Structures are given as structure tokens and as C-alpha cells.
């Protein structure tokens, strides 16, 4: 298969909120990823969810969608028998870009909100442990 050719089409913050955080100790990060495609537009979308929690208290929440415009030939190479299959390494790569975007969104939005969470940088995420199976879509 050829090298992935793409451009970032758009980044959309679907939801964000932060509570009045007064201390930064014992924070737990939870995150998840989903993918969707638009075969007509040759778009792969990485939908990511991030939450900082402390024990049972939710402190910050971000839902982010990153849309990637995929080169026509590359996108077509993912389709066989009307099934589009995106291998985990490609999903991990796109999710890495989404995590970087989320890192900036969280910092900027927490800073604007006056939250001390602005001083907490979203840590590196090992996406090879989170995204291990291909994404499969009927076309």
C-alpha cells in the first residue's frame, strides 16, 4: 500500500466543560476514540473523548472531532468488495494528530476559563495499546 496522503480538513470541538478545579493532585485521565468515514467526500473522522477525574468527580470534559481529507487513490485502495478497512497503524497515526489537537484545545480552553487545569499538559498517549483493531465500514 502507498503512503497515506491527507490533509487536515477541520477540527471541531463538540463539547467542552471544566469545573472549578482547586488542586491538581490525583488526577486521572480517561480517553476513548471512535472513527467514522464519508466515502463520498473521502473523509476519515477521528472522534476523541477526554476527561480528567479525581475519584468520582469529573473535572474536565472534551469531545473533539478531527476530519482528515484522504487522497482519492489512497482512499480507494482501502476498499475491497464494498468494504472499507482502515488498519490500526493508520488509525493510530490519525489519533496521534487528534491527541495533539486536544492537548492544545484543553490548554487554551482551560486558560480562557481561568482554570488551573491549564497547567496540566495532556500526557503522551500510547495509542498502540488503545487502538488495536481495524475500523471496518460497509460502503
C-alpha atoms as a PDB file:
ATOM      1  CA  UNK A   1       0.000   0.000   0.000  1.00  0.00           C
ATOM      2  CA  UNK A   2       1.163   3.510  -0.728  1.00  0.00           C
ATOM      3  CA  UNK A   3       1.984   6.221   1.790  1.00  0.00           C
ATOM      4  CA  UNK A   4      -1.009   7.906   3.427  1.00  0.00           C
ATOM      5  CA  UNK A   5      -1.675  11.230   1.738  1.00  0.00           C
ATOM      6  CA  UNK A   6      -4.077  13.511   3.560  1.00  0.00           C
ATOM      7  CA  UNK A   7      -4.789  16.991   4.797  1.00  0.00           C
ATOM      8  CA  UNK A   8      -6.479  18.060   7.980  1.00  0.00           C
ATOM      9  CA  UNK A   9      -9.865  19.227   6.756  1.00  0.00           C
ATOM     10  CA  UNK A  10     -11.212  20.632  10.020  1.00  0.00           C
ATOM     11  CA  UNK A  11     -11.192  20.246  13.796  1.00  0.00           C
ATOM     12  CA  UNK A  12     -14.477  20.576  15.643  1.00  0.00           C
ATOM     13  CA  UNK A  13     -14.947  20.863  19.402  1.00  0.00           C
ATOM     14  CA  UNK A  14     -18.287  19.158  20.009  1.00  0.00           C
ATOM     15  CA  UNK A  15     -18.350  19.637  23.783  1.00  0.00           C
ATOM     16  CA  UNK A  16     -16.134  21.166  26.455  1.00  0.00           C
ATOM     17  CA  UNK A  17     -16.603  21.985  30.079  1.00  0.00           C
ATOM     18  CA  UNK A  18     -14.425  22.389  33.123  1.00  0.00           C
ATOM     19  CA  UNK A  19     -15.355  22.614  36.789  1.00  0.00           C
ATOM     20  CA  UNK A  20     -13.808  24.882  39.402  1.00  0.00           C
ATOM     21  CA  UNK A  21     -10.670  22.806  39.991  1.00  0.00           C
ATOM     22  CA  UNK A  22      -8.762  23.927  43.087  1.00  0.00           C
ATOM     23  CA  UNK A  23      -5.881  21.425  43.130  1.00  0.00           C
ATOM     24  CA  UNK A  24      -4.086  19.273  40.567  1.00  0.00           C
ATOM     25  CA  UNK A  25      -3.217  16.198  42.612  1.00  0.00           C
ATOM     26  CA  UNK A  26      -4.541  12.675  41.953  1.00  0.00           C
ATOM     27  CA  UNK A  27      -5.918  13.482  38.503  1.00  0.00           C
ATOM     28  CA  UNK A  28      -6.945  10.545  36.361  1.00  0.00           C
ATOM     29  CA  UNK A  29      -7.268  10.831  32.603  1.00  0.00           C
ATOM     30  CA  UNK A  30      -9.769   8.748  30.675  1.00  0.00           C
ATOM     31  CA  UNK A  31      -9.964   8.847  26.926  1.00  0.00           C
ATOM     32  CA  UNK A  32     -11.511   6.968  24.033  1.00  0.00           C
ATOM     33  CA  UNK A  33     -11.510   7.020  20.250  1.00  0.00           C
ATOM     34  CA  UNK A  34     -14.015   6.212  17.531  1.00  0.00           C
ATOM     35  CA  UNK A  35     -13.847   6.616  13.776  1.00  0.00           C
ATOM     36  CA  UNK A  36     -16.349   7.367  11.048  1.00  0.00           C
ATOM     37  CA  UNK A  37     -15.989   7.857   7.321  1.00  0.00           C
ATOM     38  CA  UNK A  38     -17.634   9.696   4.473  1.00  0.00           C
ATOM     39  CA  UNK A  39     -16.868   7.685   1.362  1.00  0.00           C
ATOM     40  CA  UNK A  40     -18.344  10.386  -0.902  1.00  0.00           C
ATOM     41  CA  UNK A  41     -16.003  13.044   0.490  1.00  0.00           C
ATOM     42  CA  UNK A  42     -13.045  10.682   1.152  1.00  0.00           C
ATOM     43  CA  UNK A  43     -13.036  11.772   4.796  1.00  0.00           C
ATOM     44  CA  UNK A  44     -11.909   9.808   7.833  1.00  0.00           C
ATOM     45  CA  UNK A  45     -13.011  11.376  11.119  1.00  0.00           C
ATOM     46  CA  UNK A  46     -11.332  10.618  14.440  1.00  0.00           C
ATOM     47  CA  UNK A  47     -13.745  11.256  17.298  1.00  0.00           C
ATOM     48  CA  UNK A  48     -11.947  11.532  20.622  1.00  0.00           C
ATOM     49  CA  UNK A  49     -13.204  11.953  24.176  1.00  0.00           C
ATOM     50  CA  UNK A  50     -11.094  13.168  27.121  1.00  0.00           C
ATOM     51  CA  UNK A  51     -11.942  13.523  30.800  1.00  0.00           C
ATOM     52  CA  UNK A  52      -9.939  14.463  33.839  1.00  0.00           C
ATOM     53  CA  UNK A  53     -11.359  12.939  37.016  1.00  0.00           C
ATOM     54  CA  UNK A  54     -10.496  12.747  40.683  1.00  0.00           C
ATOM     55  CA  UNK A  55     -12.032   9.747  42.423  1.00  0.00           C
ATOM     56  CA  UNK A  56     -15.691  10.008  41.338  1.00  0.00           C
ATOM     57  CA  UNK A  57     -15.624  13.714  40.457  1.00  0.00           C
ATOM     58  CA  UNK A  58     -15.490  14.683  36.776  1.00  0.00           C
ATOM     59  CA  UNK A  59     -13.352  17.827  36.411  1.00  0.00           C
ATOM     60  CA  UNK A  60     -12.990  18.442  32.675  1.00  0.00           C
ATOM     61  CA  UNK A  61     -14.543  17.018  29.522  1.00  0.00           C
ATOM     62  CA  UNK A  62     -13.657  17.450  25.843  1.00  0.00           C
ATOM     63  CA  UNK A  63     -15.224  15.847  22.764  1.00  0.00           C
ATOM     64  CA  UNK A  64     -13.175  16.586  19.661  1.00  0.00           C
ATOM     65  CA  UNK A  65     -13.629  15.579  16.030  1.00  0.00           C
ATOM     66  CA  UNK A  66     -10.705  15.727  13.610  1.00  0.00           C
ATOM     67  CA  UNK A  67     -11.599  15.358   9.937  1.00  0.00           C
ATOM     68  CA  UNK A  68      -8.942  14.145   7.515  1.00  0.00           C
ATOM     69  CA  UNK A  69      -9.368  14.542   3.756  1.00  0.00           C
ATOM     70  CA  UNK A  70      -7.741  11.427   2.281  1.00  0.00           C
ATOM     71  CA  UNK A  71      -6.165  11.304  -1.167  1.00  0.00           C
ATOM     72  CA  UNK A  72      -8.632   9.716  -3.633  1.00  0.00           C
ATOM     73  CA  UNK A  73      -6.282   6.921  -4.750  1.00  0.00           C
ATOM     74  CA  UNK A  74      -5.260   6.066  -1.201  1.00  0.00           C
ATOM     75  CA  UNK A  75      -8.875   6.049  -0.016  1.00  0.00           C
ATOM     76  CA  UNK A  76      -9.838   3.786  -2.921  1.00  0.00           C
ATOM     77  CA  UNK A  77      -7.029   1.377  -2.008  1.00  0.00           C
ATOM     78  CA  UNK A  78      -8.732   0.805   1.369  1.00  0.00           C
ATOM     79  CA  UNK A  79     -11.886  -0.540  -0.299  1.00  0.00           C
ATOM     80  CA  UNK A  80     -12.385  -4.150  -1.294  1.00  0.00           C
ATOM     81  CA  UNK A  81     -15.733  -5.770  -2.096  1.00  0.00           C
ATOM     82  CA  UNK A  82     -17.599  -2.647  -0.924  1.00  0.00           C
ATOM     83  CA  UNK A  83     -15.901  -2.772   2.487  1.00  0.00           C
ATOM     84  CA  UNK A  84     -13.514  -0.043   3.624  1.00  0.00           C
ATOM     85  CA  UNK A  85     -10.896  -1.298   6.081  1.00  0.00           C
ATOM     86  CA  UNK A  86      -8.522   1.049   7.883  1.00  0.00           C
ATOM     87  CA  UNK A  87      -5.612  -0.730   9.557  1.00  0.00           C
ATOM     88  CA  UNK A  88      -4.731   0.048  13.181  1.00  0.00           C
ATOM     89  CA  UNK A  89      -1.445   1.780  12.310  1.00  0.00           C
ATOM     90  CA  UNK A  90      -3.295   4.354  10.170  1.00  0.00           C
ATOM     91  CA  UNK A  91      -5.934   4.847  12.888  1.00  0.00           C
ATOM     92  CA  UNK A  92      -3.170   5.290  15.478  1.00  0.00           C
ATOM     93  CA  UNK A  93      -1.442   7.858  13.281  1.00  0.00           C
ATOM     94  CA  UNK A  94      -4.629   9.898  12.799  1.00  0.00           C
ATOM     95  CA  UNK A  95      -5.449   9.609  16.511  1.00  0.00           C
ATOM     96  CA  UNK A  96      -1.962  10.929  17.337  1.00  0.00           C
ATOM     97  CA  UNK A  97      -2.824  14.111  15.456  1.00  0.00           C
ATOM     98  CA  UNK A  98      -6.158  14.285  17.307  1.00  0.00           C
ATOM     99  CA  UNK A  99      -4.378  13.953  20.673  1.00  0.00           C
ATOM    100  CA  UNK A 100      -2.063  16.825  19.743  1.00  0.00           C
ATOM    101  CA  UNK A 101      -5.056  18.961  18.782  1.00  0.00           C
ATOM    102  CA  UNK A 102      -6.786  18.035  22.042  1.00  0.00           C
ATOM    103  CA  UNK A 103      -3.672  18.967  24.019  1.00  0.00           C
ATOM    104  CA  UNK A 104      -3.851  22.479  22.593  1.00  0.00           C
ATOM    105  CA  UNK A 105      -7.643  22.737  22.948  1.00  0.00           C
ATOM    106  CA  UNK A 106      -7.562  21.685  26.599  1.00  0.00           C
ATOM    107  CA  UNK A 107      -4.789  24.140  27.443  1.00  0.00           C
ATOM    108  CA  UNK A 108      -6.368  27.057  25.574  1.00  0.00           C
ATOM    109  CA  UNK A 109      -9.916  26.484  26.812  1.00  0.00           C
ATOM    110  CA  UNK A 110      -8.825  25.929  30.419  1.00  0.00           C
ATOM    111  CA  UNK A 111      -6.728  29.097  30.214  1.00  0.00           C
ATOM    112  CA  UNK A 112      -9.714  31.081  28.886  1.00  0.00           C
ATOM    113  CA  UNK A 113     -11.889  29.621  31.649  1.00  0.00           C
ATOM    114  CA  UNK A 114      -9.341  30.664  34.278  1.00  0.00           C
ATOM    115  CA  UNK A 115      -8.864  27.042  35.354  1.00  0.00           C
ATOM    116  CA  UNK A 116      -5.645  25.814  36.913  1.00  0.00           C
ATOM    117  CA  UNK A 117      -6.001  22.758  34.642  1.00  0.00           C
ATOM    118  CA  UNK A 118      -4.262  24.936  32.025  1.00  0.00           C
ATOM    119  CA  UNK A 119      -1.040  23.999  33.834  1.00  0.00           C
ATOM    120  CA  UNK A 120      -1.660  20.275  33.305  1.00  0.00           C
ATOM    121  CA  UNK A 121      -0.394  19.120  29.922  1.00  0.00           C
ATOM    122  CA  UNK A 122      -2.234  16.181  28.396  1.00  0.00           C
ATOM    123  CA  UNK A 123       0.361  13.402  28.721  1.00  0.00           C
ATOM    124  CA  UNK A 124       1.695  11.255  25.889  1.00  0.00           C
ATOM    125  CA  UNK A 125      -0.761   8.511  24.957  1.00  0.00           C
ATOM    126  CA  UNK A 126       0.324   5.041  23.794  1.00  0.00           C
ATOM    127  CA  UNK A 127      -2.242   4.580  21.051  1.00  0.00           C
ATOM    128  CA  UNK A 128      -0.855   1.152  20.155  1.00  0.00           C
ATOM    129  CA  UNK A 129      -2.443  -0.126  23.374  1.00  0.00           C
ATOM    130  CA  UNK A 130      -5.755   1.671  22.812  1.00  0.00           C
ATOM    131  CA  UNK A 131      -6.314   1.147  19.074  1.00  0.00           C
ATOM    132  CA  UNK A 132      -5.516  -2.437  18.155  1.00  0.00           C
ATOM    133  CA  UNK A 133      -8.162  -3.466  15.638  1.00  0.00           C
ATOM    134  CA  UNK A 134      -9.015  -2.184  12.186  1.00  0.00           C
ATOM    135  CA  UNK A 135     -12.012   0.031  11.551  1.00  0.00           C
ATOM    136  CA  UNK A 136     -14.345  -1.595   9.043  1.00  0.00           C
ATOM    137  CA  UNK A 137     -17.149   0.199   7.186  1.00  0.00           C
ATOM    138  CA  UNK A 138     -19.639  -1.015   4.605  1.00  0.00           C
ATOM    139  CA  UNK A 139     -19.525   1.266   1.581  1.00  0.00           C
END
